[in-house]
mmCIF file of all heavy atoms, coordinates in Angstrom:
data_MODEL
# 
_entry.id   MODEL 
# 
loop_
_atom_site.group_PDB 
_atom_site.id 
_atom_site.type_symbol 
_atom_site.label_atom_id 
_atom_site.label_alt_id 
_atom_site.label_comp_id 
_atom_site.label_asym_id 
_atom_site.label_entity_id 
_atom_site.label_seq_id 
_atom_site.pdbx_PDB_ins_code 
_atom_site.Cartn_x 
_atom_site.Cartn_y 
_atom_site.Cartn_z 
_atom_site.occupancy 
_atom_site.B_iso_or_equiv 
_atom_site.pdbx_formal_charge 
_atom_site.auth_seq_id 
_atom_site.auth_comp_id 
_atom_site.auth_asym_id 
_atom_site.auth_atom_id 
_atom_site.pdbx_PDB_model_num 
ATOM 1   N N   . PRO A 1 1  ? 45.467 59.607 -147.679 1.00 0.00 ? 1  PRO A N   1 
ATOM 2   C CA  . PRO A 1 1  ? 46.800 59.031 -147.885 1.00 0.00 ? 1  PRO A CA  1 
ATOM 3   C C   . PRO A 1 1  ? 47.026 57.755 -147.075 1.00 0.00 ? 1  PRO A C   1 
ATOM 4   O O   . PRO A 1 1  ? 46.538 57.611 -145.948 1.00 0.00 ? 1  PRO A O   1 
ATOM 5   C CB  . PRO A 1 1  ? 47.742 60.151 -147.409 1.00 0.00 ? 1  PRO A CB  1 
ATOM 6   C CG  . PRO A 1 1  ? 46.926 61.396 -147.494 1.00 0.00 ? 1  PRO A CG  1 
ATOM 7   C CD  . PRO A 1 1  ? 45.522 60.991 -147.191 1.00 0.00 ? 1  PRO A CD  1 
ATOM 8   N N   . ASP A 1 2  ? 47.788 56.855 -147.675 1.00 0.00 ? 2  ASP A N   1 
ATOM 9   C CA  . ASP A 1 2  ? 48.135 55.595 -147.024 1.00 0.00 ? 2  ASP A CA  1 
ATOM 10  C C   . ASP A 1 2  ? 49.079 55.867 -145.850 1.00 0.00 ? 2  ASP A C   1 
ATOM 11  O O   . ASP A 1 2  ? 49.936 56.758 -145.911 1.00 0.00 ? 2  ASP A O   1 
ATOM 12  C CB  . ASP A 1 2  ? 48.800 54.667 -148.040 1.00 0.00 ? 2  ASP A CB  1 
ATOM 13  C CG  . ASP A 1 2  ? 49.133 53.315 -147.448 1.00 0.00 ? 2  ASP A CG  1 
ATOM 14  O OD1 . ASP A 1 2  ? 48.236 52.477 -147.376 1.00 0.00 ? 2  ASP A OD1 1 
ATOM 15  O OD2 . ASP A 1 2  ? 50.300 53.112 -147.058 1.00 0.00 ? 2  ASP A OD2 1 
ATOM 16  N N   . SER A 1 3  ? 48.941 55.104 -144.774 1.00 0.00 ? 3  SER A N   1 
ATOM 17  C CA  . SER A 1 3  ? 49.767 55.323 -143.587 1.00 0.00 ? 3  SER A CA  1 
ATOM 18  C C   . SER A 1 3  ? 51.223 54.934 -143.812 1.00 0.00 ? 3  SER A C   1 
ATOM 19  O O   . SER A 1 3  ? 52.124 55.497 -143.189 1.00 0.00 ? 3  SER A O   1 
ATOM 20  C CB  . SER A 1 3  ? 49.186 54.532 -142.402 1.00 0.00 ? 3  SER A CB  1 
ATOM 21  O OG  . SER A 1 3  ? 49.157 53.149 -142.695 1.00 0.00 ? 3  SER A OG  1 
ATOM 22  N N   . TYR A 1 4  ? 51.468 53.988 -144.715 1.00 0.00 ? 4  TYR A N   1 
ATOM 23  C CA  . TYR A 1 4  ? 52.834 53.532 -144.964 1.00 0.00 ? 4  TYR A CA  1 
ATOM 24  C C   . TYR A 1 4  ? 53.454 54.272 -146.149 1.00 0.00 ? 4  TYR A C   1 
ATOM 25  O O   . TYR A 1 4  ? 54.626 54.611 -146.130 1.00 0.00 ? 4  TYR A O   1 
ATOM 26  C CB  . TYR A 1 4  ? 52.842 52.030 -145.232 1.00 0.00 ? 4  TYR A CB  1 
ATOM 27  C CG  . TYR A 1 4  ? 54.218 51.407 -145.171 1.00 0.00 ? 4  TYR A CG  1 
ATOM 28  C CD1 . TYR A 1 4  ? 54.824 51.146 -143.941 1.00 0.00 ? 4  TYR A CD1 1 
ATOM 29  C CD2 . TYR A 1 4  ? 54.915 51.097 -146.333 1.00 0.00 ? 4  TYR A CD2 1 
ATOM 30  C CE1 . TYR A 1 4  ? 56.092 50.588 -143.885 1.00 0.00 ? 4  TYR A CE1 1 
ATOM 31  C CE2 . TYR A 1 4  ? 56.180 50.531 -146.279 1.00 0.00 ? 4  TYR A CE2 1 
ATOM 32  C CZ  . TYR A 1 4  ? 56.765 50.278 -145.053 1.00 0.00 ? 4  TYR A CZ  1 
ATOM 33  O OH  . TYR A 1 4  ? 58.023 49.728 -144.998 1.00 0.00 ? 4  TYR A OH  1 
ATOM 34  N N   . TYR A 1 5  ? 52.645 54.511 -147.193 1.00 0.00 ? 5  TYR A N   1 
ATOM 35  C CA  . TYR A 1 5  ? 53.097 55.268 -148.356 1.00 0.00 ? 5  TYR A CA  1 
ATOM 36  C C   . TYR A 1 5  ? 52.241 56.537 -148.457 1.00 0.00 ? 5  TYR A C   1 
ATOM 37  O O   . TYR A 1 5  ? 51.212 56.539 -149.125 1.00 0.00 ? 5  TYR A O   1 
ATOM 38  C CB  . TYR A 1 5  ? 52.962 54.448 -149.641 1.00 0.00 ? 5  TYR A CB  1 
ATOM 39  C CG  . TYR A 1 5  ? 53.789 53.192 -149.667 1.00 0.00 ? 5  TYR A CG  1 
ATOM 40  C CD1 . TYR A 1 5  ? 53.182 51.940 -149.742 1.00 0.00 ? 5  TYR A CD1 1 
ATOM 41  C CD2 . TYR A 1 5  ? 55.177 53.260 -149.620 1.00 0.00 ? 5  TYR A CD2 1 
ATOM 42  C CE1 . TYR A 1 5  ? 53.940 50.786 -149.773 1.00 0.00 ? 5  TYR A CE1 1 
ATOM 43  C CE2 . TYR A 1 5  ? 55.945 52.101 -149.649 1.00 0.00 ? 5  TYR A CE2 1 
ATOM 44  C CZ  . TYR A 1 5  ? 55.318 50.872 -149.720 1.00 0.00 ? 5  TYR A CZ  1 
ATOM 45  O OH  . TYR A 1 5  ? 56.073 49.735 -149.749 1.00 0.00 ? 5  TYR A OH  1 
ATOM 46  N N   . PRO A 1 6  ? 52.635 57.615 -147.797 1.00 0.00 ? 6  PRO A N   1 
ATOM 47  C CA  . PRO A 1 6  ? 51.779 58.816 -147.758 1.00 0.00 ? 6  PRO A CA  1 
ATOM 48  C C   . PRO A 1 6  ? 51.586 59.484 -149.105 1.00 0.00 ? 6  PRO A C   1 
ATOM 49  O O   . PRO A 1 6  ? 50.701 60.320 -149.250 1.00 0.00 ? 6  PRO A O   1 
ATOM 50  C CB  . PRO A 1 6  ? 52.523 59.736 -146.779 1.00 0.00 ? 6  PRO A CB  1 
ATOM 51  C CG  . PRO A 1 6  ? 53.937 59.258 -146.784 1.00 0.00 ? 6  PRO A CG  1 
ATOM 52  C CD  . PRO A 1 6  ? 53.872 57.782 -147.003 1.00 0.00 ? 6  PRO A CD  1 
ATOM 53  N N   . TRP A 1 7  ? 52.401 59.131 -150.091 1.00 0.00 ? 7  TRP A N   1 
ATOM 54  C CA  . TRP A 1 7  ? 52.249 59.704 -151.423 1.00 0.00 ? 7  TRP A CA  1 
ATOM 55  C C   . TRP A 1 7  ? 51.161 58.986 -152.234 1.00 0.00 ? 7  TRP A C   1 
ATOM 56  O O   . TRP A 1 7  ? 50.840 59.401 -153.350 1.00 0.00 ? 7  TRP A O   1 
ATOM 57  C CB  . TRP A 1 7  ? 53.573 59.630 -152.190 1.00 0.00 ? 7  TRP A CB  1 
ATOM 58  C CG  . TRP A 1 7  ? 54.355 58.358 -151.982 1.00 0.00 ? 7  TRP A CG  1 
ATOM 59  C CD1 . TRP A 1 7  ? 55.407 58.179 -151.123 1.00 0.00 ? 7  TRP A CD1 1 
ATOM 60  C CD2 . TRP A 1 7  ? 54.142 57.095 -152.625 1.00 0.00 ? 7  TRP A CD2 1 
ATOM 61  N NE1 . TRP A 1 7  ? 55.870 56.879 -151.191 1.00 0.00 ? 7  TRP A NE1 1 
ATOM 62  C CE2 . TRP A 1 7  ? 55.106 56.190 -152.110 1.00 0.00 ? 7  TRP A CE2 1 
ATOM 63  C CE3 . TRP A 1 7  ? 53.252 56.634 -153.576 1.00 0.00 ? 7  TRP A CE3 1 
ATOM 64  C CZ2 . TRP A 1 7  ? 55.193 54.869 -152.522 1.00 0.00 ? 7  TRP A CZ2 1 
ATOM 65  C CZ3 . TRP A 1 7  ? 53.322 55.312 -153.995 1.00 0.00 ? 7  TRP A CZ3 1 
ATOM 66  C CH2 . TRP A 1 7  ? 54.288 54.451 -153.464 1.00 0.00 ? 7  TRP A CH2 1 
ATOM 67  N N   . MET A 1 8  ? 50.578 57.934 -151.693 1.00 0.00 ? 8  MET A N   1 
ATOM 68  C CA  . MET A 1 8  ? 49.556 57.162 -152.404 1.00 0.00 ? 8  MET A CA  1 
ATOM 69  C C   . MET A 1 8  ? 48.237 57.209 -151.642 1.00 0.00 ? 8  MET A C   1 
ATOM 70  O O   . MET A 1 8  ? 48.203 57.022 -150.422 1.00 0.00 ? 8  MET A O   1 
ATOM 71  C CB  . MET A 1 8  ? 50.003 55.713 -152.589 1.00 0.00 ? 8  MET A CB  1 
ATOM 72  C CG  . MET A 1 8  ? 49.009 54.856 -153.383 1.00 0.00 ? 8  MET A CG  1 
ATOM 73  S SD  . MET A 1 8  ? 49.665 53.206 -153.761 1.00 0.00 ? 8  MET A SD  1 
ATOM 74  C CE  . MET A 1 8  ? 49.796 52.526 -152.102 1.00 0.00 ? 8  MET A CE  1 
ATOM 75  N N   . GLY A 1 9  ? 47.151 57.464 -152.358 1.00 0.00 ? 9  GLY A N   1 
ATOM 76  C CA  . GLY A 1 9  ? 45.837 57.497 -151.735 1.00 0.00 ? 9  GLY A CA  1 
ATOM 77  C C   . GLY A 1 9  ? 45.253 56.108 -151.580 1.00 0.00 ? 9  GLY A C   1 
ATOM 78  O O   . GLY A 1 9  ? 45.636 55.170 -152.280 1.00 0.00 ? 9  GLY A O   1 
ATOM 79  N N   . THR A 1 10 ? 44.317 55.991 -150.655 1.00 0.00 ? 10 THR A N   1 
ATOM 80  C CA  . THR A 1 10 ? 43.648 54.705 -150.435 1.00 0.00 ? 10 THR A CA  1 
ATOM 81  C C   . THR A 1 10 ? 42.142 54.778 -150.672 1.00 0.00 ? 10 THR A C   1 
ATOM 82  O O   . THR A 1 10 ? 41.488 53.739 -150.765 1.00 0.00 ? 10 THR A O   1 
ATOM 83  C CB  . THR A 1 10 ? 43.886 54.207 -148.998 1.00 0.00 ? 10 THR A CB  1 
ATOM 84  O OG1 . THR A 1 10 ? 43.368 55.173 -148.065 1.00 0.00 ? 10 THR A OG1 1 
ATOM 85  C CG2 . THR A 1 10 ? 45.370 54.018 -148.744 1.00 0.00 ? 10 THR A CG2 1 
ATOM 86  N N   . GLY A 1 11 ? 41.585 55.989 -150.780 1.00 0.00 ? 11 GLY A N   1 
ATOM 87  C CA  . GLY A 1 11 ? 40.159 56.113 -151.039 1.00 0.00 ? 11 GLY A CA  1 
ATOM 88  C C   . GLY A 1 11 ? 39.312 55.550 -149.905 1.00 0.00 ? 11 GLY A C   1 
ATOM 89  O O   . GLY A 1 11 ? 39.747 55.459 -148.752 1.00 0.00 ? 11 GLY A O   1 
ATOM 90  N N   . TYR A 1 12 ? 38.116 55.121 -150.248 1.00 0.00 ? 12 TYR A N   1 
ATOM 91  C CA  . TYR A 1 12 ? 37.175 54.613 -149.247 1.00 0.00 ? 12 TYR A CA  1 
ATOM 92  C C   . TYR A 1 12 ? 36.567 53.274 -149.655 1.00 0.00 ? 12 TYR A C   1 
ATOM 93  O O   . TYR A 1 12 ? 35.479 52.932 -149.229 1.00 0.00 ? 12 TYR A O   1 
ATOM 94  C CB  . TYR A 1 12 ? 36.053 55.636 -149.018 1.00 0.00 ? 12 TYR A CB  1 
ATOM 95  C CG  . TYR A 1 12 ? 36.545 56.933 -148.423 1.00 0.00 ? 12 TYR A CG  1 
ATOM 96  C CD1 . TYR A 1 12 ? 36.696 58.067 -149.218 1.00 0.00 ? 12 TYR A CD1 1 
ATOM 97  C CD2 . TYR A 1 12 ? 36.886 57.020 -147.084 1.00 0.00 ? 12 TYR A CD2 1 
ATOM 98  C CE1 . TYR A 1 12 ? 37.162 59.262 -148.678 1.00 0.00 ? 12 TYR A CE1 1 
ATOM 99  C CE2 . TYR A 1 12 ? 37.349 58.205 -146.534 1.00 0.00 ? 12 TYR A CE2 1 
ATOM 100 C CZ  . TYR A 1 12 ? 37.478 59.313 -147.333 1.00 0.00 ? 12 TYR A CZ  1 
ATOM 101 O OH  . TYR A 1 12 ? 37.948 60.490 -146.793 1.00 0.00 ? 12 TYR A OH  1 
ATOM 102 N N   . ARG A 1 13 ? 37.276 52.529 -150.492 1.00 0.00 ? 13 ARG A N   1 
ATOM 103 C CA  . ARG A 1 13 ? 36.737 51.248 -150.957 1.00 0.00 ? 13 ARG A CA  1 
ATOM 104 C C   . ARG A 1 13 ? 36.536 50.276 -149.805 1.00 0.00 ? 13 ARG A C   1 
ATOM 105 O O   . ARG A 1 13 ? 35.519 49.575 -149.729 1.00 0.00 ? 13 ARG A O   1 
ATOM 106 C CB  . ARG A 1 13 ? 37.669 50.642 -152.012 1.00 0.00 ? 13 ARG A CB  1 
ATOM 107 C CG  . ARG A 1 13 ? 37.178 49.320 -152.587 1.00 0.00 ? 13 ARG A CG  1 
ATOM 108 C CD  . ARG A 1 13 ? 38.096 48.842 -153.692 1.00 0.00 ? 13 ARG A CD  1 
ATOM 109 N NE  . ARG A 1 13 ? 38.090 49.779 -154.804 1.00 0.00 ? 13 ARG A NE  1 
ATOM 110 C CZ  . ARG A 1 13 ? 38.918 49.683 -155.846 1.00 0.00 ? 13 ARG A CZ  1 
ATOM 111 N NH1 . ARG A 1 13 ? 39.812 48.715 -155.893 1.00 0.00 ? 13 ARG A NH1 1 
ATOM 112 N NH2 . ARG A 1 13 ? 38.844 50.562 -156.832 1.00 0.00 ? 13 ARG A NH2 1 
ATOM 113 N N   . VAL A 1 14 ? 37.484 50.228 -148.879 1.00 0.00 ? 14 VAL A N   1 
ATOM 114 C CA  . VAL A 1 14 ? 37.371 49.305 -147.747 1.00 0.00 ? 14 VAL A CA  1 
ATOM 115 C C   . VAL A 1 14 ? 36.254 49.759 -146.810 1.00 0.00 ? 14 VAL A C   1 
ATOM 116 O O   . VAL A 1 14 ? 35.442 48.959 -146.346 1.00 0.00 ? 14 VAL A O   1 
ATOM 117 C CB  . VAL A 1 14 ? 38.711 49.213 -146.998 1.00 0.00 ? 14 VAL A CB  1 
ATOM 118 C CG1 . VAL A 1 14 ? 38.570 48.345 -145.761 1.00 0.00 ? 14 VAL A CG1 1 
ATOM 119 C CG2 . VAL A 1 14 ? 39.794 48.653 -147.912 1.00 0.00 ? 14 VAL A CG2 1 
ATOM 120 N N   . SER A 1 15 ? 36.197 51.075 -146.537 1.00 0.00 ? 15 SER A N   1 
ATOM 121 C CA  . SER A 1 15 ? 35.211 51.593 -145.592 1.00 0.00 ? 15 SER A CA  1 
ATOM 122 C C   . SER A 1 15 ? 33.785 51.427 -146.087 1.00 0.00 ? 15 SER A C   1 
ATOM 123 O O   . SER A 1 15 ? 32.865 51.176 -145.299 1.00 0.00 ? 15 SER A O   1 
ATOM 124 C CB  . SER A 1 15 ? 35.489 53.079 -145.319 1.00 0.00 ? 15 SER A CB  1 
ATOM 125 O OG  . SER A 1 15 ? 36.797 53.276 -144.844 1.00 0.00 ? 15 SER A OG  1 
ATOM 126 N N   . LEU A 1 16 ? 33.597 51.560 -147.403 1.00 0.00 ? 16 LEU A N   1 
ATOM 127 C CA  . LEU A 1 16 ? 32.240 51.550 -147.951 1.00 0.00 ? 16 LEU A CA  1 
ATOM 128 C C   . LEU A 1 16 ? 31.873 50.233 -148.634 1.00 0.00 ? 16 LEU A C   1 
ATOM 129 O O   . LEU A 1 16 ? 30.743 50.100 -149.111 1.00 0.00 ? 16 LEU A O   1 
ATOM 130 C CB  . LEU A 1 16 ? 32.083 52.695 -148.958 1.00 0.00 ? 16 LEU A CB  1 
ATOM 131 C CG  . LEU A 1 16 ? 32.117 54.112 -148.376 1.00 0.00 ? 16 LEU A CG  1 
ATOM 132 C CD1 . LEU A 1 16 ? 32.074 55.143 -149.499 1.00 0.00 ? 16 LEU A CD1 1 
ATOM 133 C CD2 . LEU A 1 16 ? 30.955 54.329 -147.422 1.00 0.00 ? 16 LEU A CD2 1 
ATOM 134 N N   . GLY A 1 17 ? 32.796 49.292 -148.695 1.00 0.00 ? 17 GLY A N   1 
ATOM 135 C CA  . GLY A 1 17 ? 32.529 48.049 -149.413 1.00 0.00 ? 17 GLY A CA  1 
ATOM 136 C C   . GLY A 1 17 ? 31.334 47.290 -148.874 1.00 0.00 ? 17 GLY A C   1 
ATOM 137 O O   . GLY A 1 17 ? 30.418 46.911 -149.626 1.00 0.00 ? 17 GLY A O   1 
ATOM 138 N N   . ASP A 1 18 ? 31.299 47.059 -147.567 1.00 0.00 ? 18 ASP A N   1 
ATOM 139 C CA  . ASP A 1 18 ? 30.189 46.302 -146.966 1.00 0.00 ? 18 ASP A CA  1 
ATOM 140 C C   . ASP A 1 18 ? 28.875 47.063 -147.065 1.00 0.00 ? 18 ASP A C   1 
ATOM 141 O O   . ASP A 1 18 ? 27.814 46.470 -147.311 1.00 0.00 ? 18 ASP A O   1 
ATOM 142 C CB  . ASP A 1 18 ? 30.499 45.985 -145.499 1.00 0.00 ? 18 ASP A CB  1 
ATOM 143 C CG  . ASP A 1 18 ? 31.614 44.968 -145.351 1.00 0.00 ? 18 ASP A CG  1 
ATOM 144 O OD1 . ASP A 1 18 ? 31.880 44.237 -146.329 1.00 0.00 ? 18 ASP A OD1 1 
ATOM 145 O OD2 . ASP A 1 18 ? 32.230 44.913 -144.264 1.00 0.00 ? 18 ASP A OD2 1 
ATOM 146 N N   . VAL A 1 19 ? 28.933 48.381 -146.877 1.00 0.00 ? 19 VAL A N   1 
ATOM 147 C CA  . VAL A 1 19 ? 27.709 49.178 -146.958 1.00 0.00 ? 19 VAL A CA  1 
ATOM 148 C C   . VAL A 1 19 ? 27.157 49.148 -148.377 1.00 0.00 ? 19 VAL A C   1 
ATOM 149 O O   . VAL A 1 19 ? 25.936 49.033 -148.581 1.00 0.00 ? 19 VAL A O   1 
ATOM 150 C CB  . VAL A 1 19 ? 27.986 50.626 -146.518 1.00 0.00 ? 19 VAL A CB  1 
ATOM 151 C CG1 . VAL A 1 19 ? 26.718 51.469 -146.609 1.00 0.00 ? 19 VAL A CG1 1 
ATOM 152 C CG2 . VAL A 1 19 ? 28.532 50.661 -145.104 1.00 0.00 ? 19 VAL A CG2 1 
ATOM 153 N N   . ALA A 1 20 ? 28.028 49.244 -149.372 1.00 0.00 ? 20 ALA A N   1 
ATOM 154 C CA  . ALA A 1 20 ? 27.575 49.188 -150.762 1.00 0.00 ? 20 ALA A CA  1 
ATOM 155 C C   . ALA A 1 20 ? 26.908 47.851 -151.066 1.00 0.00 ? 20 ALA A C   1 
ATOM 156 O O   . ALA A 1 20 ? 25.884 47.796 -151.752 1.00 0.00 ? 20 ALA A O   1 
ATOM 157 C CB  . ALA A 1 20 ? 28.757 49.415 -151.705 1.00 0.00 ? 20 ALA A CB  1 
ATOM 158 N N   . ASN A 1 21 ? 27.467 46.781 -150.530 1.00 0.00 ? 21 ASN A N   1 
ATOM 159 C CA  . ASN A 1 21 ? 26.872 45.466 -150.746 1.00 0.00 ? 21 ASN A CA  1 
ATOM 160 C C   . ASN A 1 21 ? 25.507 45.358 -150.062 1.00 0.00 ? 21 ASN A C   1 
ATOM 161 O O   . ASN A 1 21 ? 24.552 44.795 -150.621 1.00 0.00 ? 21 ASN A O   1 
ATOM 162 C CB  . ASN A 1 21 ? 27.806 44.385 -150.229 1.00 0.00 ? 21 ASN A CB  1 
ATOM 163 C CG  . ASN A 1 21 ? 27.357 42.983 -150.600 1.00 0.00 ? 21 ASN A CG  1 
ATOM 164 O OD1 . ASN A 1 21 ? 27.132 42.691 -151.771 1.00 0.00 ? 21 ASN A OD1 1 
ATOM 165 N ND2 . ASN A 1 21 ? 27.221 42.118 -149.613 1.00 0.00 ? 21 ASN A ND2 1 
ATOM 166 N N   . ASN A 1 22 ? 25.384 45.913 -148.843 1.00 0.00 ? 22 ASN A N   1 
ATOM 167 C CA  . ASN A 1 22 ? 24.102 45.899 -148.139 1.00 0.00 ? 22 ASN A CA  1 
ATOM 168 C C   . ASN A 1 22 ? 23.024 46.657 -148.912 1.00 0.00 ? 22 ASN A C   1 
ATOM 169 O O   . ASN A 1 22 ? 21.886 46.201 -149.029 1.00 0.00 ? 22 ASN A O   1 
ATOM 170 C CB  . ASN A 1 22 ? 24.257 46.505 -146.746 1.00 0.00 ? 22 ASN A CB  1 
ATOM 171 C CG  . ASN A 1 22 ? 25.094 45.645 -145.825 1.00 0.00 ? 22 ASN A CG  1 
ATOM 172 O OD1 . ASN A 1 22 ? 25.297 44.460 -146.092 1.00 0.00 ? 22 ASN A OD1 1 
ATOM 173 N ND2 . ASN A 1 22 ? 25.593 46.239 -144.760 1.00 0.00 ? 22 ASN A ND2 1 
ATOM 174 N N   . LEU A 1 23 ? 23.385 47.823 -149.439 1.00 0.00 ? 23 LEU A N   1 
ATOM 175 C CA  . LEU A 1 23 ? 22.424 48.610 -150.198 1.00 0.00 ? 23 LEU A CA  1 
ATOM 176 C C   . LEU A 1 23 ? 22.024 47.899 -151.488 1.00 0.00 ? 23 LEU A C   1 
ATOM 177 O O   . LEU A 1 23 ? 20.873 47.979 -151.923 1.00 0.00 ? 23 LEU A O   1 
ATOM 178 C CB  . LEU A 1 23 ? 23.010 49.988 -150.502 1.00 0.00 ? 23 LEU A CB  1 
ATOM 179 C CG  . LEU A 1 23 ? 23.148 50.929 -149.306 1.00 0.00 ? 23 LEU A CG  1 
ATOM 180 C CD1 . LEU A 1 23 ? 23.973 52.157 -149.680 1.00 0.00 ? 23 LEU A CD1 1 
ATOM 181 C CD2 . LEU A 1 23 ? 21.779 51.355 -148.785 1.00 0.00 ? 23 LEU A CD2 1 
ATOM 182 N N   . LYS A 1 24 ? 22.964 47.202 -152.089 1.00 0.00 ? 24 LYS A N   1 
ATOM 183 C CA  . LYS A 1 24 ? 22.649 46.451 -153.307 1.00 0.00 ? 24 LYS A CA  1 
ATOM 184 C C   . LYS A 1 24 ? 21.676 45.320 -153.006 1.00 0.00 ? 24 LYS A C   1 
ATOM 185 O O   . LYS A 1 24 ? 20.703 45.099 -153.748 1.00 0.00 ? 24 LYS A O   1 
ATOM 186 C CB  . LYS A 1 24 ? 23.937 45.895 -153.914 1.00 0.00 ? 24 LYS A CB  1 
ATOM 187 C CG  . LYS A 1 24 ? 23.718 45.087 -155.186 1.00 0.00 ? 24 LYS A CG  1 
ATOM 188 C CD  . LYS A 1 24 ? 25.031 44.558 -155.724 1.00 0.00 ? 24 LYS A CD  1 
ATOM 189 C CE  . LYS A 1 24 ? 24.803 43.729 -156.988 1.00 0.00 ? 24 LYS A CE  1 
ATOM 190 N NZ  . LYS A 1 24 ? 26.093 43.196 -157.529 1.00 0.00 ? 24 LYS A NZ  1 
ATOM 191 N N   . LEU A 1 25 ? 21.914 44.602 -151.915 1.00 0.00 ? 25 LEU A N   1 
ATOM 192 C CA  . LEU A 1 25 ? 21.014 43.514 -151.533 1.00 0.00 ? 25 LEU A CA  1 
ATOM 193 C C   . LEU A 1 25 ? 19.630 44.042 -151.169 1.00 0.00 ? 25 LEU A C   1 
ATOM 194 O O   . LEU A 1 25 ? 18.606 43.420 -151.498 1.00 0.00 ? 25 LEU A O   1 
ATOM 195 C CB  . LEU A 1 25 ? 21.610 42.735 -150.357 1.00 0.00 ? 25 LEU A CB  1 
ATOM 196 C CG  . LEU A 1 25 ? 22.890 41.936 -150.643 1.00 0.00 ? 25 LEU A CG  1 
ATOM 197 C CD1 . LEU A 1 25 ? 23.415 41.297 -149.363 1.00 0.00 ? 25 LEU A CD1 1 
ATOM 198 C CD2 . LEU A 1 25 ? 22.631 40.869 -151.697 1.00 0.00 ? 25 LEU A CD2 1 
ATOM 199 N N   . ALA A 1 26 ? 19.587 45.186 -150.484 1.00 0.00 ? 26 ALA A N   1 
ATOM 200 C CA  . ALA A 1 26 ? 18.294 45.771 -150.125 1.00 0.00 ? 26 ALA A CA  1 
ATOM 201 C C   . ALA A 1 26 ? 17.512 46.176 -151.363 1.00 0.00 ? 26 ALA A C   1 
ATOM 202 O O   . ALA A 1 26 ? 16.291 45.962 -151.443 1.00 0.00 ? 26 ALA A O   1 
ATOM 203 C CB  . ALA A 1 26 ? 18.507 46.979 -149.218 1.00 0.00 ? 26 ALA A CB  1 
# 
């Protein structure tokens, strides 16, 4: 849940974005 809007999820796009890009480049 989002810290400001707890009724809305935020997922893990921000947390995993850089890692996903690194794995793609590798």
